Protein backbone atom coordinates (compact mmCIF):
# COMPACT_ATOMS: atom_id res chain seq x y z
CA MET A 1 -28.79 13.71 8.93
CA THR A 2 -26.32 12.47 6.33
CA ASP A 3 -25.96 9.01 4.90
CA GLU A 4 -22.66 7.55 6.47
CA ASN A 5 -21.73 6.28 2.90
CA GLU A 6 -22.37 9.65 1.22
CA ASP A 7 -18.78 10.71 1.07
CA SER A 8 -16.95 7.27 1.11
CA ARG A 9 -17.04 6.38 -2.58
CA GLU A 10 -14.06 7.70 -4.54
CA GLN A 11 -13.27 6.92 -8.15
CA GLY A 12 -15.56 3.77 -8.22
CA VAL A 13 -14.36 2.49 -4.88
CA GLU A 14 -16.79 2.36 -2.08
CA PHE A 15 -14.91 2.58 1.27
CA GLY A 16 -17.94 2.64 3.56
CA SER A 17 -17.25 2.82 7.24
CA LEU A 18 -13.55 2.14 6.54
CA ALA A 19 -13.18 5.68 5.33
CA ASP A 20 -14.00 7.05 8.81
CA GLU A 21 -11.79 4.54 10.59
CA LEU A 22 -8.89 5.42 8.27
CA GLU A 23 -9.43 9.09 9.10
CA ASP A 24 -9.27 8.20 12.95
CA GLU A 25 -6.12 6.11 12.54
CA GLU A 26 -2.73 7.44 13.71
CA TYR A 27 -0.21 8.00 10.83
CA PRO A 28 2.45 7.19 9.74
CA ILE A 29 1.42 3.58 9.56
CA ASP A 30 3.28 0.78 7.60
CA LYS A 31 1.47 -1.53 5.31
CA ALA A 32 1.73 -4.66 7.54
CA ALA A 33 0.17 -2.79 10.49
CA LEU A 34 -2.59 -1.27 8.30
CA LEU A 35 -3.43 -4.79 6.93
CA GLU A 36 -3.21 -6.41 10.38
CA ARG A 37 -5.98 -3.94 11.54
CA TYR A 38 -8.13 -3.48 8.40
CA GLY A 39 -7.03 -6.18 5.99
CA ASP A 40 -10.25 -8.15 6.04
CA ARG A 41 -12.49 -5.02 5.53
CA GLU A 42 -14.52 -5.18 2.28
CA LEU A 43 -14.36 -2.54 -0.44
CA GLU A 44 -17.10 -2.44 -3.04
CA LEU A 45 -16.17 -1.91 -6.68
CA GLU A 46 -18.50 -1.65 -9.49
CA GLY A 47 -20.63 -4.77 -9.10
CA ASN A 48 -17.86 -6.60 -7.07
CA THR A 49 -16.40 -6.64 -3.64
CA THR A 50 -12.69 -7.29 -2.40
CA THR A 51 -10.78 -6.83 0.66
CA LEU A 52 -8.17 -4.18 1.59
CA ARG A 53 -5.68 -6.97 1.83
CA THR A 54 -6.35 -8.22 -1.62
CA VAL A 55 -6.04 -4.78 -3.14
CA LEU A 56 -2.77 -3.74 -1.27
CA GLU A 57 -0.97 -7.07 -0.83
CA SER A 58 0.93 -6.78 -4.15
CA GLN A 59 2.03 -3.31 -3.12
CA GLY A 60 5.65 -3.28 -1.96
CA GLU A 61 6.57 -2.46 1.65
CA THR A 62 5.42 1.13 2.12
CA THR A 63 4.42 3.60 4.93
CA TYR A 64 1.16 5.67 4.55
CA GLU A 65 1.37 9.23 5.79
CA SER A 66 -2.39 9.87 5.90
CA ALA A 67 -5.95 8.44 5.14
CA ASP A 68 -5.66 10.21 1.83
CA ASP A 69 -2.37 8.21 1.23
CA VAL A 70 -4.11 4.95 1.84
CA ARG A 71 -7.18 5.93 -0.41
CA ARG A 72 -4.93 6.99 -3.27
CA SER A 73 -3.03 3.61 -3.01
CA VAL A 74 -6.25 1.70 -2.99
CA ILE A 75 -7.53 3.63 -6.07
CA GLY A 76 -4.38 3.27 -7.91
CA MET A 77 -4.21 -0.51 -7.23
CA VAL A 78 -7.82 -1.43 -8.21
CA SER A 79 -7.58 0.32 -11.65
CA ASP A 80 -9.99 -1.16 -14.00
CA GLU A 81 -11.88 -3.24 -11.50
CA ALA A 82 -13.52 -0.07 -10.10
CA ILE A 83 -14.83 1.64 -13.22
CA GLY A 84 -17.49 -0.69 -14.30
CA ARG A 85 -17.95 -1.12 -18.03
CA GLN A 86 -14.75 -0.21 -19.83
CA ASN A 87 -14.78 2.21 -22.79
CA TYR A 88 -18.19 3.34 -21.81
CA SER A 89 -19.24 6.77 -20.65
CA ASP A 90 -22.54 7.92 -19.42
CA ARG A 91 -21.45 11.57 -19.35
CA GLY A 92 -22.74 12.38 -22.81
CA GLY A 93 -20.79 12.83 -26.03
CA SER A 94 -21.64 11.53 -29.40
CA THR A 95 -22.90 7.98 -30.25
CA GLU A 96 -21.72 6.00 -33.38
CA SER A 97 -24.80 7.11 -35.29
CA GLU A 98 -24.13 10.84 -34.36
CA GLU A 99 -20.46 10.40 -35.36
CA GLY A 100 -21.36 9.34 -38.83
CA THR A 101 -23.55 12.43 -39.37
CA GLU A 102 -21.07 15.04 -38.14
CA GLU A 103 -19.77 17.55 -40.52
CA SER A 104 -16.36 19.13 -40.61
CA VAL A 105 -16.26 22.82 -40.07
């Protein structure tokens, strides 16, 4: 059995069950129809929540060709809100103290 949210987080945005609903939607769909159906659905960002309407409302009139198209638009519109702490990486690399001790080769 898989967790329903296992594949619904992309680039810091948790789509939850909306991800499956977007996959089941018929495309193309314009922004007005998309927001009428799903605008009040919540998206989780790093330590915050927002609605699909809030994220996409400032985007101009557009027609989405697929669920991937909707997800890409959301990810592009949330920008820094979804990444958590800015200028911070937990993927390794050097720290300030290590940077001072590195030698040129």
